[in-house]
Amino acid sequence: MALEHLPSPKAAADLIAEFRKRFSTKVCMAPYADHDGSIVSAHTLSREAVLRKISKDAHVYAPNFKVHFFPDENPIQVRRLGIGDVSVFNGFCAKHDASLFSCLENEPFTFQPKQIFMLVYRATARECYLKRKQFESIPTPEQIGAIYKIKDRLKYTEMVLRFQEASLRGAEEIEAFKAKLDGYLLQEDWEHFESYSINFPKTPNLVASFVFQPFFDMNGTKLQDFTNLSVDMSTLAISLIPLEKGGAAIFSWLDTANAAPLRFCTSVTQGKNLTSAIIHAILDNGENFAISPVWYEGLPPKTQEYLLSRMRLLPATVIYSFASRPDESSPYLDDWEK
């Protein structure tokens, strides 16, 4: 449906313009004072070292998010995009984007502590940039009233208030997590992550880099109580990247984390098909990923729709608590071990 079908298309267009402006804000998130050069469209998935290796004609498939006003619309779609436009955000100046991530962009990935740290740091910076803006982008009752020309004074429902509270808490927690990483970065102390890597002989058809808080593992076991707002949640980073030969799914968490990240990682490794388990862990819980066109376009339409349904789960780890392991009931996806 189009905006002109709304009671007030102008109010809706104004809200979309405000949304786009907010997510176009330019700032360098490096914890230094010597910023130099313009703010660049920083890639959290390396264009050359990662995206190009799974691309076709320099294009991949990636999630596309949009503001929506109709109940029959879904805000998450998948689009074919040029690799220069995938996984970018206005989060670093040219100097710090080049200097901080040189070990990822210009060196073979050999699982060095600094490389692991920078994978997590870049994904955390992106999440930190987006979370606060997502909270700020929740439409006010007045904006909703203007779009639908409702003259009565509107109030948030209890569900929306809980969502607003959770969004704010999520923004504050990722900001605190980044602040901790900033301290290690300033000290050039790369040794604070524990990591587990699953290596594959075949190049994955999916790449990803993101951080999230696991509440349940893939077997449905409770890991952290997300309803307890007085307790800090631990964060897990997942990166799926191609290597010079094959690829690796890397799970990383701080050495001060509780048991949740390790237990979630362990539950992934218990899958009968590791490829399927990792694909689900990424599509269910992350937003920052890209998909090989050769693989995606070769899938049956029903399998493509299934993958899209997994991208739309929010938050997925809660779904794990009352459903069977998704990787054991899904259509066949792939096997990077063969």
C-alpha atoms as a PDB file:
ATOM      1  CA  MET A   1       0.000   0.000   0.000  1.00  0.00           C
ATOM      2  CA  ALA A   2       1.118   3.563  -0.700  1.00  0.00           C
ATOM      3  CA  LEU A   3       1.376   6.561   1.618  1.00  0.00           C
ATOM      4  CA  GLU A   4      -1.442   8.325  -0.214  1.00  0.00           C
ATOM      5  CA  HIS A   5      -3.836   5.745   1.219  1.00  0.00           C
ATOM      6  CA  LEU A   6      -3.187   7.091   4.713  1.00  0.00           C
ATOM      7  CA  PRO A   7      -5.457   9.797   6.138  1.00  0.00           C
ATOM      8  CA  SER A   8      -2.493  12.195   6.272  1.00  0.00           C
ATOM      9  CA  PRO A   9       0.242  11.279   3.770  1.00  0.00           C
ATOM     10  CA  LYS A  10       2.208  14.433   4.646  1.00  0.00           C
ATOM     11  CA  ALA A  11       2.448  13.520   8.344  1.00  0.00           C
ATOM     12  CA  ALA A  12       3.665  10.044   7.372  1.00  0.00           C
ATOM     13  CA  ALA A  13       6.193  11.464   4.899  1.00  0.00           C
ATOM     14  CA  ASP A  14       7.463  13.878   7.562  1.00  0.00           C
ATOM     15  CA  LEU A  15       7.961  10.994   9.986  1.00  0.00           C
ATOM     16  CA  ILE A  16       9.877   8.989   7.366  1.00  0.00           C
ATOM     17  CA  ALA A  17      12.065  12.022   6.574  1.00  0.00           C
ATOM     18  CA  GLU A  18      12.823  12.455  10.269  1.00  0.00           C
ATOM     19  CA  PHE A  19      13.634   8.749  10.530  1.00  0.00           C
ATOM     20  CA  ARG A  20      16.029   8.876   7.565  1.00  0.00           C
ATOM     21  CA  LYS A  21      17.720  12.018   8.847  1.00  0.00           C
ATOM     22  CA  ARG A  22      18.307  10.438  12.244  1.00  0.00           C
ATOM     23  CA  PHE A  23      19.919   7.351  10.711  1.00  0.00           C
ATOM     24  CA  SER A  24      22.114   9.522   8.464  1.00  0.00           C
ATOM     25  CA  THR A  25      23.788  11.263  11.401  1.00  0.00           C
ATOM     26  CA  LYS A  26      27.567  11.305  11.020  1.00  0.00           C
ATOM     27  CA  VAL A  27      29.849  10.753  14.005  1.00  0.00           C
ATOM     28  CA  CYS A  28      33.189   9.057  14.665  1.00  0.00           C
ATOM     29  CA  MET A  29      32.734   6.504  17.424  1.00  0.00           C
ATOM     30  CA  ALA A  30      36.445   5.902  18.014  1.00  0.00           C
ATOM     31  CA  PRO A  31      37.426   6.959  21.570  1.00  0.00           C
ATOM     32  CA  TYR A  32      40.102   9.384  20.415  1.00  0.00           C
ATOM     33  CA  ALA A  33      40.313  13.154  19.991  1.00  0.00           C
ATOM     34  CA  ASP A  34      42.393  13.176  16.801  1.00  0.00           C
ATOM     35  CA  HIS A  35      39.564  12.626  14.316  1.00  0.00           C
ATOM     36  CA  ASP A  36      40.597  13.447  10.768  1.00  0.00           C
ATOM     37  CA  GLY A  37      38.879  13.359   7.422  1.00  0.00           C
ATOM     38  CA  SER A  38      35.197  13.120   6.641  1.00  0.00           C
ATOM     39  CA  ILE A  39      32.873  10.561   8.207  1.00  0.00           C
ATOM     40  CA  VAL A  40      32.837   7.571   5.887  1.00  0.00           C
ATOM     41  CA  SER A  41      30.280   4.883   5.148  1.00  0.00           C
ATOM     42  CA  ALA A  42      32.069   2.362   7.331  1.00  0.00           C
ATOM     43  CA  HIS A  43      31.650  -1.309   6.442  1.00  0.00           C
ATOM     44  CA  THR A  44      31.130  -3.723   9.317  1.00  0.00           C
ATOM     45  CA  LEU A  45      31.396  -6.531   6.801  1.00  0.00           C
ATOM     46  CA  SER A  46      34.556  -5.863   4.807  1.00  0.00           C
ATOM     47  CA  ARG A  47      33.741  -5.113   1.186  1.00  0.00           C
ATOM     48  CA  GLU A  48      36.813  -6.871  -0.240  1.00  0.00           C
ATOM     49  CA  ALA A  49      37.809  -9.423   2.387  1.00  0.00           C
ATOM     50  CA  VAL A  50      34.259 -10.631   3.086  1.00  0.00           C
ATOM     51  CA  LEU A  51      31.450  -9.422   0.812  1.00  0.00           C
ATOM     52  CA  ARG A  52      33.181  -9.774  -2.533  1.00  0.00           C
ATOM     53  CA  LYS A  53      33.999 -13.420  -1.814  1.00  0.00           C
ATOM     54  CA  ILE A  54      30.325 -14.380  -1.752  1.00  0.00           C
ATOM     55  CA  SER A  55      29.079 -11.836  -4.311  1.00  0.00           C
ATOM     56  CA  LYS A  56      27.877 -12.205  -7.885  1.00  0.00           C
ATOM     57  CA  ASP A  57      28.634  -9.269 -10.168  1.00  0.00           C
ATOM     58  CA  ALA A  58      29.589  -7.353  -6.991  1.00  0.00           C
ATOM     59  CA  HIS A  59      26.087  -7.830  -5.537  1.00  0.00           C
ATOM     60  CA  VAL A  60      24.713  -9.735  -2.535  1.00  0.00           C
ATOM     61  CA  TYR A  61      21.355 -10.088  -0.835  1.00  0.00           C
ATOM     62  CA  ALA A  62      20.906  -8.253   2.460  1.00  0.00           C
ATOM     63  CA  PRO A  63      18.084  -7.258   4.827  1.00  0.00           C
ATOM     64  CA  ASN A  64      16.228  -4.069   4.034  1.00  0.00           C
ATOM     65  CA  PHE A  65      14.326  -2.299   6.802  1.00  0.00           C
ATOM     66  CA  LYS A  66      11.642   0.318   6.261  1.00  0.00           C
ATOM     67  CA  VAL A  67       9.102   2.351   8.189  1.00  0.00           C
ATOM     68  CA  HIS A  68       5.665   0.792   7.734  1.00  0.00           C
ATOM     69  CA  PHE A  69       2.162   2.003   8.523  1.00  0.00           C
ATOM     70  CA  PHE A  70      -0.076  -0.840   7.366  1.00  0.00           C
ATOM     71  CA  PRO A  71      -0.741  -4.140   9.187  1.00  0.00           C
ATOM     72  CA  ASP A  72      -0.194  -6.165   6.007  1.00  0.00           C
ATOM     73  CA  GLU A  73       3.330  -4.769   5.541  1.00  0.00           C
ATOM     74  CA  ASN A  74       6.449  -6.276   7.066  1.00  0.00           C
ATOM     75  CA  PRO A  75       9.325  -3.924   7.896  1.00  0.00           C
ATOM     76  CA  ILE A  76      11.959  -6.520   6.960  1.00  0.00           C
ATOM     77  CA  GLN A  77      12.540  -7.516   3.350  1.00  0.00           C
ATOM     78  CA  VAL A  78      15.592  -8.857   1.506  1.00  0.00           C
ATOM     79  CA  ARG A  79      17.089  -6.980  -1.436  1.00  0.00           C
ATOM     80  CA  ARG A  80      19.870  -7.480  -3.966  1.00  0.00           C
ATOM     81  CA  LEU A  81      22.402  -4.700  -3.315  1.00  0.00           C
ATOM     82  CA  GLY A  82      25.852  -3.680  -4.491  1.00  0.00           C
ATOM     83  CA  ILE A  83      28.549  -4.612  -2.007  1.00  0.00           C
ATOM     84  CA  GLY A  84      29.416  -0.942  -1.550  1.00  0.00           C
ATOM     85  CA  ASP A  85      25.968  -0.357  -0.019  1.00  0.00           C
ATOM     86  CA  VAL A  86      25.823  -3.309   2.358  1.00  0.00           C
ATOM     87  CA  SER A  87      26.552  -3.251   6.085  1.00  0.00           C
ATOM     88  CA  VAL A  88      27.515   0.424   6.187  1.00  0.00           C
ATOM     89  CA  PHE A  89      26.913   3.113   8.791  1.00  0.00           C
ATOM     90  CA  ASN A  90      28.215   6.642   9.363  1.00  0.00           C
ATOM     91  CA  GLY A  91      30.215   5.684  12.427  1.00  0.00           C
ATOM     92  CA  PHE A  92      33.909   6.419  11.834  1.00  0.00           C
ATOM     93  CA  CYS A  93      36.057   9.142  10.350  1.00  0.00           C
ATOM     94  CA  ALA A  94      38.298   8.180   7.445  1.00  0.00           C
ATOM     95  CA  LYS A  95      41.414   8.112   9.651  1.00  0.00           C
ATOM     96  CA  HIS A  96      40.076   5.805  12.345  1.00  0.00           C
ATOM     97  CA  ASP A  97      38.150   3.548   9.969  1.00  0.00           C
ATOM     98  CA  ALA A  98      41.418   2.886   8.143  1.00  0.00           C
ATOM     99  CA  SER A  99      43.719   2.602  11.169  1.00  0.00           C
ATOM    100  CA  LEU A 100      41.538   0.594  13.538  1.00  0.00           C
ATOM    101  CA  PHE A 101      40.483  -2.094  11.103  1.00  0.00           C
ATOM    102  CA  SER A 102      43.600  -2.459   8.985  1.00  0.00           C
ATOM    103  CA  CYS A 103      44.240  -5.857  10.589  1.00  0.00           C
ATOM    104  CA  LEU A 104      40.911  -7.040   9.134  1.00  0.00           C
ATOM    105  CA  GLU A 105      41.048  -5.264   5.791  1.00  0.00           C
ATOM    106  CA  ASN A 106      44.697  -5.687   4.819  1.00  0.00           C
ATOM    107  CA  GLU A 107      45.906  -8.864   6.537  1.00  0.00           C
ATOM    108  CA  PRO A 108      44.886 -12.515   6.193  1.00  0.00           C
ATOM    109  CA  PHE A 109      42.585 -13.493   9.025  1.00  0.00           C
ATOM    110  CA  THR A 110      44.602 -15.760  11.344  1.00  0.00           C
ATOM    111  CA  PHE A 111      42.547 -15.543  14.553  1.00  0.00           C
ATOM    112  CA  GLN A 112      44.954 -13.139  16.247  1.00  0.00           C
ATOM    113  CA  PRO A 113      43.564 -11.581  19.478  1.00  0.00           C
ATOM    114  CA  LYS A 114      43.598  -8.119  17.910  1.00  0.00           C
ATOM    115  CA  GLN A 115      41.647  -9.355  14.891  1.00  0.00           C
ATOM    116  CA  ILE A 116      39.055 -11.014  17.135  1.00  0.00           C
ATOM    117  CA  PHE A 117      38.798  -7.816  19.188  1.00  0.00           C
ATOM    118  CA  MET A 118      38.334  -5.635  16.123  1.00  0.00           C
ATOM    119  CA  LEU A 119      35.641  -7.913  14.699  1.00  0.00           C
ATOM    120  CA  VAL A 120      33.666  -7.505  17.910  1.00  0.00           C
ATOM    121  CA  TYR A 121      34.478  -3.808  18.290  1.00  0.00           C
ATOM    122  CA  ARG A 122      33.273  -2.884  14.820  1.00  0.00           C
ATOM    123  CA  ALA A 123      30.039  -4.854  15.232  1.00  0.00           C
ATOM    124  CA  THR A 124      29.515  -3.277  18.663  1.00  0.00           C
ATOM    125  CA  ALA A 125      30.049   0.241  17.306  1.00  0.00           C
ATOM    126  CA  ARG A 126      27.412  -0.364  14.643  1.00  0.00           C
ATOM    127  CA  GLU A 127      24.945  -1.742  17.173  1.00  0.00           C
ATOM    128  CA  CYS A 128      25.644   1.169  19.516  1.00  0.00           C
ATOM    129  CA  TYR A 129      25.038   3.650  16.687  1.00  0.00           C
ATOM    130  CA  LEU A 130      21.729   2.026  15.748  1.00  0.00           C
ATOM    131  CA  LYS A 131      20.216   1.137  19.134  1.00  0.00           C
ATOM    132  CA  ARG A 132      19.946   4.694  20.432  1.00  0.00           C
ATOM    133  CA  LYS A 133      18.468   5.850  17.140  1.00  0.00           C
ATOM    134  CA  GLN A 134      15.980   2.973  17.135  1.00  0.00           C
ATOM    135  CA  PHE A 135      14.798   4.056  20.581  1.00  0.00           C
ATOM    136  CA  GLU A 136      14.546   7.684  19.470  1.00  0.00           C
ATOM    137  CA  SER A 137      12.571   6.615  16.370  1.00  0.00           C
ATOM    138  CA  ILE A 138       9.597   5.133  18.201  1.00  0.00           C
ATOM    139  CA  PRO A 139       6.725   7.339  16.967  1.00  0.00           C
ATOM    140  CA  THR A 140       5.091   9.497  19.629  1.00  0.00           C
ATOM    141  CA  PRO A 141       1.324   9.256  20.216  1.00  0.00           C
ATOM    142  CA  GLU A 142       1.039  12.729  18.690  1.00  0.00           C
ATOM    143  CA  GLN A 143       2.783  11.610  15.488  1.00  0.00           C
ATOM    144  CA  ILE A 144       0.533   8.559  15.180  1.00  0.00           C
ATOM    145  CA  GLY A 145      -2.516  10.732  15.771  1.00  0.00           C
ATOM    146  CA  ALA A 146      -1.409  13.168  13.058  1.00  0.00           C
ATOM    147  CA  ILE A 147      -0.880  10.377  10.494  1.00  0.00           C
ATOM    148  CA  TYR A 148      -4.323   8.898  11.079  1.00  0.00           C
ATOM    149  CA  LYS A 149      -6.031  12.253  11.801  1.00  0.00           C
ATOM    150  CA  ILE A 150      -7.156  11.155  15.236  1.00  0.00           C
ATOM    151  CA  LYS A 151      -8.183  14.194  17.249  1.00  0.00           C
ATOM    152  CA  ASP A 152      -8.511  12.435  20.584  1.00  0.00           C
ATOM    153  CA  ARG A 153      -5.429  12.355  22.763  1.00  0.00           C
ATOM    154  CA  LEU A 154      -3.616   9.038  22.332  1.00  0.00           C
ATOM    155  CA  LYS A 155      -1.538   7.155  24.866  1.00  0.00           C
ATOM    156  CA  TYR A 156       0.933   4.328  24.521  1.00  0.00           C
ATOM    157  CA  THR A 157      -0.460   0.906  25.331  1.00  0.00           C
ATOM    158  CA  GLU A 158       1.186  -1.144  28.049  1.00  0.00           C
ATOM    159  CA  MET A 159       2.837  -3.271  25.351  1.00  0.00           C
ATOM    160  CA  VAL A 160       4.330  -0.222  23.647  1.00  0.00           C
ATOM    161  CA  LEU A 161       5.557   1.147  26.979  1.00  0.00           C
ATOM    162  CA  ARG A 162       7.309  -2.154  27.673  1.00  0.00           C
ATOM    163  CA  PHE A 163       8.818  -2.105  24.190  1.00  0.00           C
ATOM    164  CA  GLN A 164       9.982   1.480  24.750  1.00  0.00           C
ATOM    165  CA  GLU A 165      11.537   0.543  28.087  1.00  0.00           C
ATOM    166  CA  ALA A 166      13.262  -2.484  26.574  1.00  0.00           C
ATOM    167  CA  SER A 167      14.559  -0.377  23.664  1.00  0.00           C
ATOM    168  CA  LEU A 168      16.042   2.181  26.034  1.00  0.00           C
ATOM    169  CA  ARG A 169      17.613  -0.519  28.172  1.00  0.00           C
ATOM    170  CA  GLY A 170      19.070  -2.160  25.072  1.00  0.00           C
ATOM    171  CA  ALA A 171      20.622   1.134  23.985  1.00  0.00           C
ATOM    172  CA  GLU A 172      22.089   1.790  27.436  1.00  0.00           C
ATOM    173  CA  GLU A 173      23.495  -1.729  27.739  1.00  0.00           C
ATOM    174  CA  ILE A 174      25.247  -1.721  24.358  1.00  0.00           C
ATOM    175  CA  GLU A 175      26.647   1.731  25.131  1.00  0.00           C
ATOM    176  CA  ALA A 176      28.043   0.406  28.411  1.00  0.00           C
ATOM    177  CA  PHE A 177      29.486  -2.605  26.592  1.00  0.00           C
ATOM    178  CA  LYS A 178      31.175  -0.368  24.019  1.00  0.00           C
ATOM    179  CA  ALA A 179      32.544   1.868  26.782  1.00  0.00           C
ATOM    180  CA  LYS A 180      34.245  -1.176  28.266  1.00  0.00           C
ATOM    181  CA  LEU A 181      35.724  -2.075  24.873  1.00  0.00           C
ATOM    182  CA  ASP A 182      36.838   1.540  24.405  1.00  0.00           C
ATOM    183  CA  GLY A 183      38.898   1.217  27.574  1.00  0.00           C
ATOM    184  CA  TYR A 184      40.623  -1.911  26.280  1.00  0.00           C
ATOM    185  CA  LEU A 185      41.160  -0.265  22.900  1.00  0.00           C
ATOM    186  CA  LEU A 186      42.888   2.757  24.450  1.00  0.00           C
ATOM    187  CA  GLN A 187      45.161   0.398  26.358  1.00  0.00           C
ATOM    188  CA  GLU A 188      45.728  -1.763  23.258  1.00  0.00           C
ATOM    189  CA  ASP A 189      44.709  -4.709  25.399  1.00  0.00           C
ATOM    190  CA  TRP A 190      43.279  -7.366  23.077  1.00  0.00           C
ATOM    191  CA  GLU A 191      43.214 -10.325  25.479  1.00  0.00           C
ATOM    192  CA  HIS A 192      39.783  -9.997  27.091  1.00  0.00           C
ATOM    193  CA  PHE A 193      37.714 -12.144  24.735  1.00  0.00           C
ATOM    194  CA  GLU A 194      37.073 -15.846  24.919  1.00  0.00           C
ATOM    195  CA  SER A 195      36.292 -17.293  21.513  1.00  0.00           C
ATOM    196  CA  TYR A 196      35.162 -20.513  19.889  1.00  0.00           C
ATOM    197  CA  SER A 197      35.493 -21.047  16.156  1.00  0.00           C
ATOM    198  CA  ILE A 198      33.780 -23.562  13.898  1.00  0.00           C
ATOM    199  CA  ASN A 199      35.819 -23.869  10.713  1.00  0.00           C
ATOM    200  CA  PHE A 200      34.441 -25.125   7.404  1.00  0.00           C
ATOM    201  CA  PRO A 201      36.323 -26.439   4.363  1.00  0.00           C
ATOM    202  CA  LYS A 202      33.791 -24.725   2.051  1.00  0.00           C
ATOM    203  CA  THR A 203      33.261 -20.969   1.793  1.00  0.00           C
ATOM    204  CA  PRO A 204      29.966 -20.083   3.533  1.00  0.00           C
ATOM    205  CA  ASN A 205      27.096 -18.752   1.432  1.00  0.00           C
ATOM    206  CA  LEU A 206      26.304 -16.319   4.221  1.00  0.00           C
ATOM    207  CA  VAL A 207      28.491 -13.780   6.063  1.00  0.00           C
ATOM    208  CA  ALA A 208      27.684 -11.907   9.249  1.00  0.00           C
ATOM    209  CA  SER A 209      29.015  -9.831  12.120  1.00  0.00           C
ATOM    210  CA  PHE A 210      26.815  -8.760  15.034  1.00  0.00           C
ATOM    211  CA  VAL A 211      26.380  -8.755  18.807  1.00  0.00           C
ATOM    212  CA  PHE A 212      23.297  -9.714  20.814  1.00  0.00           C
ATOM    213  CA  GLN A 213      22.175 -10.935  24.230  1.00  0.00           C
ATOM    214  CA  PRO A 214      21.141 -14.609  24.221  1.00  0.00           C
ATOM    215  CA  PHE A 215      18.157 -15.250  26.517  1.00  0.00           C
ATOM    216  CA  PHE A 216      17.576 -18.913  25.585  1.00  0.00           C
ATOM    217  CA  ASP A 217      19.820 -21.377  23.811  1.00  0.00           C
ATOM    218  CA  MET A 218      18.775 -23.258  20.674  1.00  0.00           C
ATOM    219  CA  ASN A 219      17.509 -26.161  22.801  1.00  0.00           C
ATOM    220  CA  GLY A 220      15.106 -23.820  24.608  1.00  0.00           C
ATOM    221  CA  THR A 221      17.086 -23.686  27.867  1.00  0.00           C
ATOM    222  CA  LYS A 222      16.860 -20.361  29.703  1.00  0.00           C
ATOM    223  CA  LEU A 223      20.164 -18.488  29.852  1.00  0.00           C
ATOM    224  CA  GLN A 224      19.326 -14.987  31.113  1.00  0.00           C
ATOM    225  CA  ASP A 225      16.183 -13.400  32.531  1.00  0.00           C
ATOM    226  CA  PHE A 226      15.432 -10.560  30.128  1.00  0.00           C
ATOM    227  CA  THR A 227      12.457  -9.486  32.282  1.00  0.00           C
ATOM    228  CA  ASN A 228      14.748  -8.659  35.221  1.00  0.00           C
ATOM    229  CA  LEU A 229      15.800  -5.099  34.444  1.00  0.00           C
ATOM    230  CA  SER A 230      18.004  -4.896  37.528  1.00  0.00           C
ATOM    231  CA  VAL A 231      20.489  -7.493  36.249  1.00  0.00           C
ATOM    232  CA  ASP A 232      23.037  -6.848  33.513  1.00  0.00           C
ATOM    233  CA  MET A 233      22.824  -9.164  30.529  1.00  0.00           C
ATOM    234  CA  SER A 234      25.935 -10.668  28.928  1.00  0.00           C
ATOM    235  CA  THR A 235      26.643 -10.140  25.241  1.00  0.00           C
ATOM    236  CA  LEU A 236      27.704 -12.600  22.551  1.00  0.00           C
ATOM    237  CA  ALA A 237      29.338 -11.680  19.234  1.00  0.00           C
ATOM    238  CA  ILE A 238      28.955 -13.891  16.163  1.00  0.00           C
ATOM    239  CA  SER A 239      31.065 -13.423  13.044  1.00  0.00           C
ATOM    240  CA  LEU A 240      30.809 -15.665   9.991  1.00  0.00           C
ATOM    241  CA  ILE A 241      33.560 -14.873   7.518  1.00  0.00           C
ATOM    242  CA  PRO A 242      35.333 -16.462   4.559  1.00  0.00           C
ATOM    243  CA  LEU A 243      38.971 -17.411   5.000  1.00  0.00           C
ATOM    244  CA  GLU A 244      41.677 -17.951   2.377  1.00  0.00           C
ATOM    245  CA  LYS A 245      40.353 -21.512   2.324  1.00  0.00           C
ATOM    246  CA  GLY A 246      36.837 -22.196   3.570  1.00  0.00           C
ATOM    247  CA  GLY A 247      35.318 -20.102   6.313  1.00  0.00           C
ATOM    248  CA  ALA A 248      34.783 -19.736  10.046  1.00  0.00           C
ATOM    249  CA  ALA A 249      31.921 -19.037  12.431  1.00  0.00           C
ATOM    250  CA  ILE A 250      33.467 -17.245  15.414  1.00  0.00           C
ATOM    251  CA  PHE A 251      31.672 -16.867  18.749  1.00  0.00           C
ATOM    252  CA  SER A 252      33.234 -14.337  21.135  1.00  0.00           C
ATOM    253  CA  TRP A 253      32.399 -13.016  24.594  1.00  0.00           C
ATOM    254  CA  LEU A 254      34.175 -11.057  27.315  1.00  0.00           C
ATOM    255  CA  ASP A 255      36.028 -13.012  29.980  1.00  0.00           C
ATOM    256  CA  THR A 256      33.786 -11.281  32.569  1.00  0.00           C
ATOM    257  CA  ALA A 257      30.545 -12.535  30.965  1.00  0.00           C
ATOM    258  CA  ASN A 258      28.181 -14.917  32.687  1.00  0.00           C
ATOM    259  CA  ALA A 259      27.641 -18.432  31.346  1.00  0.00           C
ATOM    260  CA  ALA A 260      25.012 -17.445  28.744  1.00  0.00           C
ATOM    261  CA  PRO A 261      27.293 -16.828  25.720  1.00  0.00           C
ATOM    262  CA  LEU A 262      29.200 -20.101  26.155  1.00  0.00           C
ATOM    263  CA  ARG A 263      26.010 -22.071  26.685  1.00  0.00           C
ATOM    264  CA  PHE A 264      24.403 -20.568  23.582  1.00  0.00           C
ATOM    265  CA  CYS A 265      27.525 -21.371  21.559  1.00  0.00           C
ATOM    266  CA  THR A 266      27.504 -24.936  22.896  1.00  0.00           C
ATOM    267  CA  SER A 267      23.872 -25.381  21.885  1.00  0.00           C
ATOM    268  CA  VAL A 268      24.729 -24.359  18.314  1.00  0.00           C
ATOM    269  CA  THR A 269      27.471 -26.978  18.120  1.00  0.00           C
ATOM    270  CA  GLN A 270      24.955 -29.657  19.166  1.00  0.00           C
ATOM    271  CA  GLY A 271      23.074 -29.312  15.886  1.00  0.00           C
ATOM    272  CA  LYS A 272      23.009 -32.359  13.618  1.00  0.00           C
ATOM    273  CA  ASN A 273      23.848 -30.071  10.691  1.00  0.00           C
ATOM    274  CA  LEU A 274      26.257 -27.337  11.845  1.00  0.00           C
ATOM    275  CA  THR A 275      25.651 -25.292   8.718  1.00  0.00           C
ATOM    276  CA  SER A 276      21.914 -25.145   9.362  1.00  0.00           C
ATOM    277  CA  ALA A 277      22.427 -24.403  13.061  1.00  0.00           C
ATOM    278  CA  ILE A 278      24.716 -21.458  12.301  1.00  0.00           C
ATOM    279  CA  ILE A 279      22.447 -20.098   9.569  1.00  0.00           C
ATOM    280  CA  HIS A 280      19.568 -20.108  12.044  1.00  0.00           C
ATOM    281  CA  ALA A 281      21.653 -18.532  14.819  1.00  0.00           C
ATOM    282  CA  ILE A 282      22.500 -15.677  12.452  1.00  0.00           C
ATOM    283  CA  LEU A 283      19.169 -15.077  10.707  1.00  0.00           C
ATOM    284  CA  ASP A 284      17.201 -15.461  13.940  1.00  0.00           C
ATOM    285  CA  ASN A 285      19.305 -13.121  16.060  1.00  0.00           C
ATOM    286  CA  GLY A 286      21.252 -10.732  13.828  1.00  0.00           C
ATOM    287  CA  GLU A 287      20.577  -7.948  11.356  1.00  0.00           C
ATOM    288  CA  ASN A 288      24.041  -7.449   9.931  1.00  0.00           C
ATOM    289  CA  PHE A 289      24.490 -10.203   7.360  1.00  0.00           C
ATOM    290  CA  ALA A 290      24.690 -10.751   3.617  1.00  0.00           C
ATOM    291  CA  ILE A 291      23.714 -13.715   1.449  1.00  0.00           C
ATOM    292  CA  SER A 292      25.335 -15.155  -1.665  1.00  0.00           C
ATOM    293  CA  PRO A 293      23.135 -14.524  -4.741  1.00  0.00           C
ATOM    294  CA  VAL A 294      24.255 -17.806  -6.327  1.00  0.00           C
ATOM    295  CA  TRP A 295      23.028 -19.742  -3.299  1.00  0.00           C
ATOM    296  CA  TYR A 296      19.891 -17.712  -2.559  1.00  0.00           C
ATOM    297  CA  GLU A 297      18.631 -17.574  -6.138  1.00  0.00           C
ATOM    298  CA  GLY A 298      19.133 -21.334  -6.444  1.00  0.00           C
ATOM    299  CA  LEU A 299      16.886 -22.115  -3.480  1.00  0.00           C
ATOM    300  CA  PRO A 300      13.252 -23.171  -3.971  1.00  0.00           C
ATOM    301  CA  PRO A 301      10.804 -20.276  -3.421  1.00  0.00           C
ATOM    302  CA  LYS A 302       9.428 -21.951  -0.285  1.00  0.00           C
ATOM    303  CA  THR A 303      12.937 -22.147   1.182  1.00  0.00           C
ATOM    304  CA  GLN A 304      13.550 -18.478   0.365  1.00  0.00           C
ATOM    305  CA  GLU A 305      10.312 -17.596   2.151  1.00  0.00           C
ATOM    306  CA  TYR A 306      11.366 -19.755   5.100  1.00  0.00           C
ATOM    307  CA  LEU A 307      14.645 -17.845   5.422  1.00  0.00           C
ATOM    308  CA  LEU A 308      12.756 -14.555   5.307  1.00  0.00           C
ATOM    309  CA  SER A 309      10.448 -15.786   8.077  1.00  0.00           C
ATOM    310  CA  ARG A 310      13.495 -16.417  10.279  1.00  0.00           C
ATOM    311  CA  MET A 311      14.775 -12.871   9.677  1.00  0.00           C
ATOM    312  CA  ARG A 312      11.474 -11.497  10.973  1.00  0.00           C
ATOM    313  CA  LEU A 313      11.678 -13.135  14.420  1.00  0.00           C
ATOM    314  CA  LEU A 314      12.057 -10.534  17.173  1.00  0.00           C
ATOM    315  CA  PRO A 315      13.611 -11.620  19.480  1.00  0.00           C
ATOM    316  CA  ALA A 316      14.337 -15.118  18.299  1.00  0.00           C
ATOM    317  CA  THR A 317      15.962 -16.541  21.410  1.00  0.00           C
ATOM    318  CA  VAL A 318      12.616 -16.228  23.186  1.00  0.00           C
ATOM    319  CA  ILE A 319      11.039 -18.269  20.383  1.00  0.00           C
ATOM    320  CA  TYR A 320      13.527 -21.042  21.164  1.00  0.00           C
ATOM    321  CA  SER A 321      11.880 -21.449  24.584  1.00  0.00           C
ATOM    322  CA  PHE A 322       8.633 -22.898  23.179  1.00  0.00           C
ATOM    323  CA  ALA A 323       9.608 -24.389  19.826  1.00  0.00           C
ATOM    324  CA  SER A 324      11.775 -27.302  18.760  1.00  0.00           C
ATOM    325  CA  ARG A 325      15.257 -26.670  17.452  1.00  0.00           C
ATOM    326  CA  PRO A 326      14.724 -24.772  14.189  1.00  0.00           C
ATOM    327  CA  ASP A 327      17.675 -26.377  12.420  1.00  0.00           C
ATOM    328  CA  GLU A 328      16.148 -29.828  12.907  1.00  0.00           C
ATOM    329  CA  SER A 329      12.734 -28.974  11.459  1.00  0.00           C
ATOM    330  CA  SER A 330      13.726 -26.559   8.669  1.00  0.00           C
ATOM    331  CA  PRO A 331      14.040 -27.350   4.966  1.00  0.00           C
ATOM    332  CA  TYR A 332      17.515 -28.362   3.822  1.00  0.00           C
ATOM    333  CA  LEU A 333      19.692 -25.253   3.517  1.00  0.00           C
ATOM    334  CA  ASP A 334      23.317 -26.220   2.894  1.00  0.00           C
ATOM    335  CA  ASP A 335      26.296 -28.113   4.265  1.00  0.00           C
ATOM    336  CA  TRP A 336      29.638 -26.293   4.281  1.00  0.00           C
ATOM    337  CA  GLU A 337      31.386 -29.330   5.752  1.00  0.00           C
ATOM    338  CA  LYS A 338      31.149 -31.336   2.512  1.00  0.00           C
END
